[in-house]
Protein backbone atom coordinates (compact mmCIF):
# COMPACT_ATOMS: atom_id res chain seq x y z
CA UNK A 1 102.85 129.68 85.12
CA UNK A 2 100.65 126.98 83.61
CA UNK A 3 102.09 123.47 83.77
CA UNK A 4 101.57 120.47 81.50
CA UNK A 5 100.41 117.72 83.83
CA UNK A 6 99.91 114.02 83.18
CA UNK A 7 97.70 112.01 85.55
CA UNK A 8 98.45 108.26 85.48
CA UNK A 9 95.66 106.13 86.92
CA UNK A 10 94.03 102.80 86.11
CA UNK A 11 90.63 104.12 87.27
CA UNK A 12 88.89 107.31 86.19
CA UNK A 13 85.41 108.55 85.40
CA UNK A 14 82.92 107.26 84.37
CA UNK A 15 83.99 104.33 86.57
CA UNK A 16 82.65 104.59 90.09
CA UNK A 17 84.73 104.61 93.25
CA UNK A 18 86.53 106.96 95.59
CA UNK A 19 89.68 107.17 93.43
CA UNK A 20 87.75 107.95 90.25
CA UNK A 21 85.73 110.72 91.90
CA UNK A 22 88.75 112.16 93.72
CA UNK A 23 90.91 112.33 90.61
CA UNK A 24 88.16 113.84 88.48
CA UNK A 25 87.67 116.60 91.04
CA UNK A 26 91.44 117.12 91.14
CA UNK A 27 91.61 117.48 87.35
CA UNK A 28 88.77 120.02 87.37
CA UNK A 29 90.53 122.20 89.95
CA UNK A 30 93.89 121.95 88.17
CA UNK A 31 92.28 123.04 84.91
CA UNK A 32 90.55 125.93 86.67
CA UNK A 33 94.02 127.11 87.74
CA UNK A 34 95.03 127.20 84.07
CA UNK A 35 97.07 123.98 83.90
CA UNK A 36 96.92 121.67 80.89
CA UNK A 37 95.98 118.18 82.11
CA UNK A 38 96.02 114.87 80.25
CA UNK A 39 94.82 111.68 81.96
CA UNK A 40 96.40 108.35 80.98
CA UNK A 41 93.89 105.70 82.01
CA UNK A 42 91.97 102.62 80.85
CA UNK A 43 89.13 101.86 78.51
CA UNK A 44 85.98 101.03 80.39
CA UNK A 45 82.28 100.53 79.83
CA UNK A 46 80.80 103.84 78.78
CA UNK A 47 84.20 105.28 77.86
CA UNK A 48 85.91 103.17 75.21
CA UNK A 49 87.47 106.02 73.28
CA UNK A 50 90.07 108.63 74.10
CA UNK A 51 89.21 112.30 74.20
CA UNK A 52 91.35 115.41 74.09
CA UNK A 53 92.00 115.32 77.82
CA UNK A 54 91.68 111.58 78.56
CA UNK A 55 93.82 108.99 76.77
CA UNK A 56 92.44 105.48 77.24
CA UNK A 57 94.24 102.14 76.83
CA UNK A 58 92.69 98.64 76.59
CA UNK A 59 93.55 96.54 79.65
CA UNK A 60 92.81 93.18 81.25
CA UNK A 61 90.19 93.10 83.99
CA UNK A 62 89.30 90.44 86.54
CA UNK A 63 85.95 88.65 86.61
CA UNK A 64 84.40 91.50 88.62
CA UNK A 65 85.48 94.05 86.01
CA UNK A 66 88.22 95.61 88.12
CA UNK A 67 91.85 96.23 87.10
CA UNK A 68 93.19 94.17 90.00
CA UNK A 69 95.89 91.48 89.94
CA UNK A 70 99.40 91.06 88.58
CA UNK A 71 98.46 90.55 84.92
CA UNK A 72 95.79 93.24 85.06
CA UNK A 73 98.21 95.76 86.54
CA UNK A 74 100.89 94.83 84.00
CA UNK A 75 98.47 95.34 81.09
CA UNK A 76 98.21 98.99 82.15
CA UNK A 77 101.65 99.61 83.65
CA UNK A 78 103.90 98.34 80.84
CA UNK A 79 102.23 100.37 78.06
CA UNK A 80 102.16 103.36 80.42
CA UNK A 81 105.95 103.31 80.64
CA UNK A 82 106.30 103.68 76.88
CA UNK A 83 103.46 106.19 76.63
CA UNK A 84 105.25 108.43 79.12
CA UNK A 85 108.73 108.01 77.63
CA UNK A 86 107.78 108.46 73.99
CA UNK A 87 104.63 110.60 74.36
CA UNK A 88 104.18 114.34 74.40
CA UNK A 89 106.26 116.49 76.72
CA UNK A 90 105.06 117.22 80.27
CA UNK A 91 106.21 119.10 83.35
CA UNK A 92 105.00 116.73 86.09
CA UNK A 93 103.17 113.42 86.52
CA UNK A 94 100.62 112.73 89.25
CA UNK A 95 100.27 108.99 89.81
CA UNK A 96 97.73 106.91 91.71
CA UNK A 97 98.48 103.48 93.32
CA UNK A 98 99.33 100.64 92.95
CA UNK A 99 103.11 100.93 93.47
CA UNK A 100 103.75 99.05 90.21
CA UNK A 101 102.23 102.02 88.36
CA UNK A 102 104.38 104.29 90.49
CA UNK A 103 107.44 102.30 89.45
CA UNK A 104 106.68 102.91 85.76
CA UNK A 105 106.27 106.60 86.48
CA UNK A 106 109.54 106.78 88.42
CA UNK A 107 111.41 105.14 85.53
CA UNK A 108 109.77 107.28 82.85
CA UNK A 109 110.24 110.57 84.72
CA UNK A 110 113.88 109.69 85.34
CA UNK A 111 114.35 109.31 81.58
CA UNK A 112 112.43 112.53 80.86
CA UNK A 113 114.06 114.35 83.82
CA UNK A 114 110.77 115.48 85.25
CA UNK A 115 109.30 115.23 88.77
CA UNK A 116 106.30 113.20 89.86
CA UNK A 117 103.77 113.39 92.68
CA UNK A 118 102.35 110.23 94.25
CA UNK A 119 98.72 110.37 95.44
CA UNK A 120 98.70 107.83 98.28
CA UNK A 121 95.08 107.13 99.11
CA UNK A 122 96.40 104.05 100.89
CA UNK A 123 99.64 102.21 101.64
CA UNK A 124 99.58 98.95 99.71
CA UNK A 125 102.20 97.12 101.77
CA UNK A 126 100.33 97.85 105.00
CA UNK A 127 97.09 96.59 103.48
CA UNK A 128 98.78 93.44 102.16
CA UNK A 129 100.23 92.64 105.57
CA UNK A 130 96.84 93.23 107.15
CA UNK A 131 95.00 90.72 104.99
CA UNK A 132 97.59 88.02 105.56
CA UNK A 133 99.69 88.09 102.39
CA UNK A 134 102.85 85.97 102.72
CA UNK A 135 105.73 87.79 104.41
CA UNK A 136 108.18 87.51 101.48
CA UNK A 137 105.62 89.13 99.17
CA UNK A 138 104.91 91.87 101.71
CA UNK A 139 108.66 92.50 102.00
CA UNK A 140 109.01 92.89 98.23
CA UNK A 141 105.94 95.13 98.06
CA UNK A 142 107.17 97.30 100.92
CA UNK A 143 110.59 97.64 99.28
CA UNK A 144 108.98 98.62 95.98
CA UNK A 145 106.63 101.07 97.64
CA UNK A 146 109.48 102.71 99.57
CA UNK A 147 111.50 102.99 96.35
CA UNK A 148 108.61 104.70 94.56
CA UNK A 149 107.44 107.03 97.34
CA UNK A 150 110.95 108.11 98.34
CA UNK A 151 111.65 109.56 94.92
CA UNK A 152 108.38 111.48 94.63
CA UNK A 153 108.62 115.25 94.82
CA UNK A 154 105.57 115.14 97.08
CA UNK A 155 103.34 112.38 98.42
CA UNK A 156 99.71 113.42 98.78
CA UNK A 157 97.64 111.58 101.37
CA UNK A 158 93.97 111.46 102.32
CA UNK A 159 94.34 111.33 106.12
CA UNK A 160 96.80 111.78 108.95
CA UNK A 161 96.92 108.00 109.39
CA UNK A 162 98.06 107.48 105.81
CA UNK A 163 100.57 110.31 106.25
CA UNK A 164 102.09 108.56 109.26
CA UNK A 165 102.34 105.27 107.35
CA UNK A 166 104.05 107.02 104.41
CA UNK A 167 106.53 108.81 106.67
CA UNK A 168 107.28 105.47 108.30
CA UNK A 169 108.29 104.16 104.87
CA UNK A 170 110.11 107.15 103.43
CA UNK A 171 111.38 109.12 106.45
CA UNK A 172 110.67 112.33 104.50
CA UNK A 173 107.90 114.11 106.41
CA UNK A 174 108.64 117.36 104.59
CA UNK A 175 107.41 115.79 101.33
CA UNK A 176 104.14 114.41 102.69
CA UNK A 177 101.03 116.58 102.34
CA UNK A 178 97.63 115.58 103.70
CA UNK A 179 95.11 116.99 101.21
CA UNK A 180 92.20 115.18 102.83
CA UNK A 181 89.38 113.17 101.37
CA UNK A 182 85.75 113.67 100.57
CA UNK A 183 82.91 113.20 98.12
CA UNK A 184 81.83 114.81 94.88
CA UNK A 185 78.94 116.89 96.20
CA UNK A 186 77.94 117.77 92.64
CA UNK A 187 77.17 114.13 91.93
CA UNK A 188 75.90 113.15 95.38
CA UNK A 189 73.44 115.54 97.01
CA UNK A 190 70.08 115.74 98.75
CA UNK A 191 68.55 117.42 95.72
CA UNK A 192 67.48 115.34 92.74
CA UNK A 193 65.14 112.62 91.57
CA UNK A 194 63.51 110.31 94.06
CA UNK A 195 64.71 106.77 94.66
CA UNK A 196 63.64 104.12 92.13
CA UNK A 197 63.04 101.70 95.03
CA UNK A 198 59.89 101.50 97.12
CA UNK A 199 59.78 100.66 100.81
CA UNK A 200 62.53 100.79 103.40
CA UNK A 201 66.07 99.58 102.78
CA UNK A 202 69.70 99.89 103.84
CA UNK A 203 72.46 100.47 101.27
CA UNK A 204 76.04 99.26 101.16
CA UNK A 205 77.80 100.74 98.13
CA UNK A 206 81.46 100.00 97.55
CA UNK A 207 84.21 97.42 97.51
CA UNK A 208 83.58 94.07 99.18
CA UNK A 209 86.96 92.87 100.40
CA UNK A 210 88.64 91.62 103.55
CA UNK A 211 89.51 95.16 104.55
CA UNK A 212 85.92 96.42 104.54
CA UNK A 213 84.39 93.29 106.05
CA UNK A 214 80.94 94.05 104.62
CA UNK A 215 79.66 90.66 105.73
CA UNK A 216 78.97 92.13 109.17
CA UNK A 217 76.03 94.02 107.66
CA UNK A 218 74.58 90.86 106.15
CA UNK A 219 74.87 89.06 109.48
CA UNK A 220 73.34 92.02 111.28
CA UNK A 221 70.45 92.29 108.84
CA UNK A 222 69.64 88.59 109.19
CA UNK A 223 69.16 89.21 112.92
CA UNK A 224 66.54 91.95 112.45
CA UNK A 225 64.76 90.98 109.23
CA UNK A 226 62.06 88.87 110.90
CA UNK A 227 60.98 91.87 113.01
CA UNK A 228 60.81 94.19 109.98
CA UNK A 229 59.35 92.17 107.08
CA UNK A 230 59.21 95.20 104.75
CA UNK A 231 62.92 96.06 104.94
CA UNK A 232 65.63 95.07 102.44
CA UNK A 233 69.42 95.30 102.25
CA UNK A 234 70.95 96.44 98.95
CA UNK A 235 74.62 95.55 98.44
CA UNK A 236 76.00 97.59 95.52
CA UNK A 237 79.52 97.00 94.20
CA UNK A 238 82.02 94.23 93.58
CA UNK A 239 85.04 92.73 95.29
CA UNK A 240 86.85 89.53 96.20
CA UNK A 241 84.34 88.67 98.95
CA UNK A 242 81.22 89.10 96.83
CA UNK A 243 80.67 85.39 96.13
CA UNK A 244 81.08 84.53 99.80
CA UNK A 245 78.62 87.28 100.74
CA UNK A 246 76.10 85.91 98.26
CA UNK A 247 76.26 82.58 100.09
CA UNK A 248 75.90 84.25 103.49
CA UNK A 249 72.86 86.15 102.25
CA UNK A 250 71.00 83.00 101.16
CA UNK A 251 68.85 82.77 104.35
CA UNK A 252 67.32 86.19 103.53
CA UNK A 253 65.14 84.62 100.81
CA UNK A 254 65.93 87.41 98.37
CA UNK A 255 65.65 90.34 100.76
CA UNK A 256 69.40 90.94 100.50
CA UNK A 257 70.04 92.01 96.92
CA UNK A 258 73.28 92.43 94.96
CA UNK A 259 72.56 94.85 92.09
CA UNK A 260 76.22 95.11 91.04
CA UNK A 261 77.95 98.38 90.19
CA UNK A 262 75.88 101.36 89.06
CA UNK A 263 76.60 104.92 88.02
CA UNK A 264 76.74 107.85 90.40
CA UNK A 265 73.41 109.32 89.25
CA UNK A 266 71.45 106.17 90.07
CA UNK A 267 73.38 105.53 93.28
CA UNK A 268 72.63 109.06 94.46
CA UNK A 269 68.90 108.47 93.91
CA UNK A 270 69.05 105.15 95.76
CA UNK A 271 70.89 106.65 98.74
CA UNK A 272 68.44 109.54 99.08
CA UNK A 273 65.68 107.06 99.84
CA UNK A 274 67.62 104.75 102.18
CA UNK A 275 67.10 104.34 105.90
CA UNK A 276 70.90 104.44 106.24
CA UNK A 277 74.09 103.98 104.28
CA UNK A 278 76.52 101.36 105.55
CA UNK A 279 80.29 101.68 105.85
CA UNK A 280 82.94 99.65 107.64
CA UNK A 281 86.63 99.10 108.21
CA UNK A 282 87.44 95.68 109.63
CA UNK A 283 89.74 95.75 112.69
CA UNK A 284 93.21 94.19 112.78
CA UNK A 285 93.68 94.14 109.01
CA UNK A 286 96.40 96.77 108.94
CA UNK A 287 93.95 99.44 107.82
CA UNK A 288 92.79 100.92 111.11
CA UNK A 289 93.73 104.40 109.84
CA UNK A 290 91.52 104.22 106.73
CA UNK A 291 88.66 106.57 105.86
CA UNK A 292 85.62 104.73 104.46
CA UNK A 293 84.71 107.30 101.81
CA UNK A 294 81.41 105.56 101.09
CA UNK A 295 80.14 107.03 104.37
CA UNK A 296 80.57 110.54 102.98
CA UNK A 297 78.72 109.52 99.81
CA UNK A 298 75.73 108.48 101.90
CA UNK A 299 75.83 111.58 104.08
CA UNK A 300 76.13 113.87 101.08
CA UNK A 301 72.76 112.50 99.93
CA UNK A 302 71.29 113.38 103.34
CA UNK A 303 71.25 109.79 104.55
CA UNK A 304 72.63 108.83 107.98
CA UNK A 305 75.36 106.22 108.17
CA UNK A 306 75.86 103.11 110.24
CA UNK A 307 79.62 102.83 110.63
CA UNK A 308 81.03 99.51 111.85
CA UNK A 309 84.60 98.85 112.89
CA UNK A 310 87.60 101.09 113.36
CA UNK A 311 89.15 104.18 111.85
CA UNK A 312 89.00 107.96 112.32
CA UNK A 313 85.56 108.17 110.76
CA UNK A 314 84.00 106.33 113.69
CA UNK A 315 84.77 109.22 116.05
CA UNK A 316 83.55 111.75 113.49
CA UNK A 317 80.20 109.95 113.16
CA UNK A 318 79.74 110.10 116.93
CA UNK A 319 80.99 113.64 117.49
CA UNK A 320 79.02 115.19 114.61
CA UNK A 321 75.86 113.08 115.09
CA UNK A 322 76.01 111.68 111.55
CA UNK A 323 74.31 108.39 112.32
CA UNK A 324 75.38 105.50 114.52
CA UNK A 325 78.70 103.76 115.11
CA UNK A 326 79.06 100.11 116.03
CA UNK A 327 81.72 97.58 116.77
CA UNK A 328 82.55 95.20 113.93
CA UNK A 329 80.00 92.80 115.38
CA UNK A 330 76.70 91.51 113.99
CA UNK A 331 74.77 92.09 117.21
CA UNK A 332 76.02 95.68 117.44
CA UNK A 333 75.14 96.33 113.79
CA UNK A 334 71.70 94.78 114.28
CA UNK A 335 71.05 97.08 117.23
CA UNK A 336 71.98 100.13 115.12
CA UNK A 337 69.71 99.00 112.28
CA UNK A 338 66.85 98.44 114.69
CA UNK A 339 67.28 101.90 116.21
CA UNK A 340 67.17 103.73 112.86
CA UNK A 341 64.18 101.68 111.70
CA UNK A 342 62.21 102.62 114.79
CA UNK A 343 63.34 106.27 114.98
CA UNK A 344 63.72 107.57 111.40
CA UNK A 345 65.43 110.90 110.76
CA UNK A 346 63.24 113.91 109.88
CA UNK A 347 63.87 115.75 106.64
CA UNK A 348 65.44 118.69 108.47
CA UNK A 349 68.14 116.38 109.86
CA UNK A 350 68.80 114.86 106.45
CA UNK A 351 69.36 118.31 105.00
CA UNK A 352 71.76 119.06 107.86
CA UNK A 353 73.84 115.97 106.99
CA UNK A 354 74.16 117.05 103.35
CA UNK A 355 75.17 120.58 104.36
CA UNK A 356 77.77 119.22 106.77
CA UNK A 357 79.48 117.22 104.02
CA UNK A 358 79.41 120.20 101.66
CA UNK A 359 81.09 122.35 104.29
CA UNK A 360 83.67 119.83 105.51
CA UNK A 361 84.35 117.05 103.00
CA UNK A 362 83.68 118.29 99.49
CA UNK A 363 86.13 116.98 96.91
CA UNK A 364 86.45 120.51 95.58
CA UNK A 365 88.54 121.25 98.68
CA UNK A 366 90.71 118.20 97.98
CA UNK A 367 91.25 119.34 94.39
CA UNK A 368 92.25 122.78 95.61
CA UNK A 369 94.72 121.18 98.02
CA UNK A 370 96.36 119.26 95.17
CA UNK A 371 96.48 122.40 93.04
CA UNK A 372 98.24 124.22 95.89
CA UNK A 373 100.91 121.50 96.00
CA UNK A 374 101.37 121.71 92.23
CA UNK A 375 101.86 125.46 92.64
CA UNK A 376 104.83 124.68 94.90
CA UNK A 377 106.41 122.77 92.02
CA UNK A 378 105.93 125.77 89.81
CA UNK A 379 107.49 128.06 92.44
CA UNK A 380 110.44 125.71 92.91
CA UNK A 381 111.04 125.56 89.16
CA UNK A 382 111.11 129.34 89.00
CA UNK A 383 113.33 129.77 92.06
């Protein structure tokens, strides 16, 4: 039976980022199964108006353009509550973090007497504790997150590490389903136009926050740049550490560039021509279980990755020969950069990397996993 599904998320295509790509792939697979899907999301550059399947709402954004912060979240969450309560009928809601959005969904679905599914790409209270947020705030956030996740019909996760963290909060392992993570291999692939950039360069593309610790790549690059005067470092994206990273990059005399956020088509072209993509998870920030999805984006374009720090992806990079892993240390990162600059990958190896992602971490598989969970809801309703 086809279900009427609402997806509640503050980020969706054409915005860039792991959540936007993951949810778009999910929607495509749900629609292929015959479900009717409506996305409640935000207005953004390139998508100011609503369409038949995507209902957009004007929201506050921070100075980097992200919907991040108490007021920014509230500008989406509060209207969402009323949109769900007084809007068209639905059978189930799928909601993306933060937990404040989940709270609105729990309240609205209680009023409408409908279930909801929480897509936990991360665990916000764990992340907050890891970056040093005050204990009383972490306690409140953990309480809120437990309240929201415990009432979800299912909690979808992107890795076993996130699953364990969710079970630790809710104590309901039977409701937690690891659907995996990945990359949109339709948008990011080895095939396509050549890079707009000349010469050799490394690419970091993603969020710049305490959790990622992208500064280690700047520090590493500064150690090798004098030996490779033709090489640049391109830092795409935004985040709370961006201004600090700009200051740290000053000694590069312009060879470390910050182009901002770009669309997937351009980013795919840039990555195809890179020496390596860069990805990291900073140790001891409460996020040691995280998958750095940006690594898959690079690999899907046939570009090896330098992975710095901790997390399950580090072992995968080593075991599958997807590039080089390094400690979260500037000297270690510099050594990895030097090695790839002196021994570049042949085209045959780059094609192998792209095929590996297609076979193992395509978002189509994630979307199918979500659709399978939704089918359980349908079966339960008919039982």
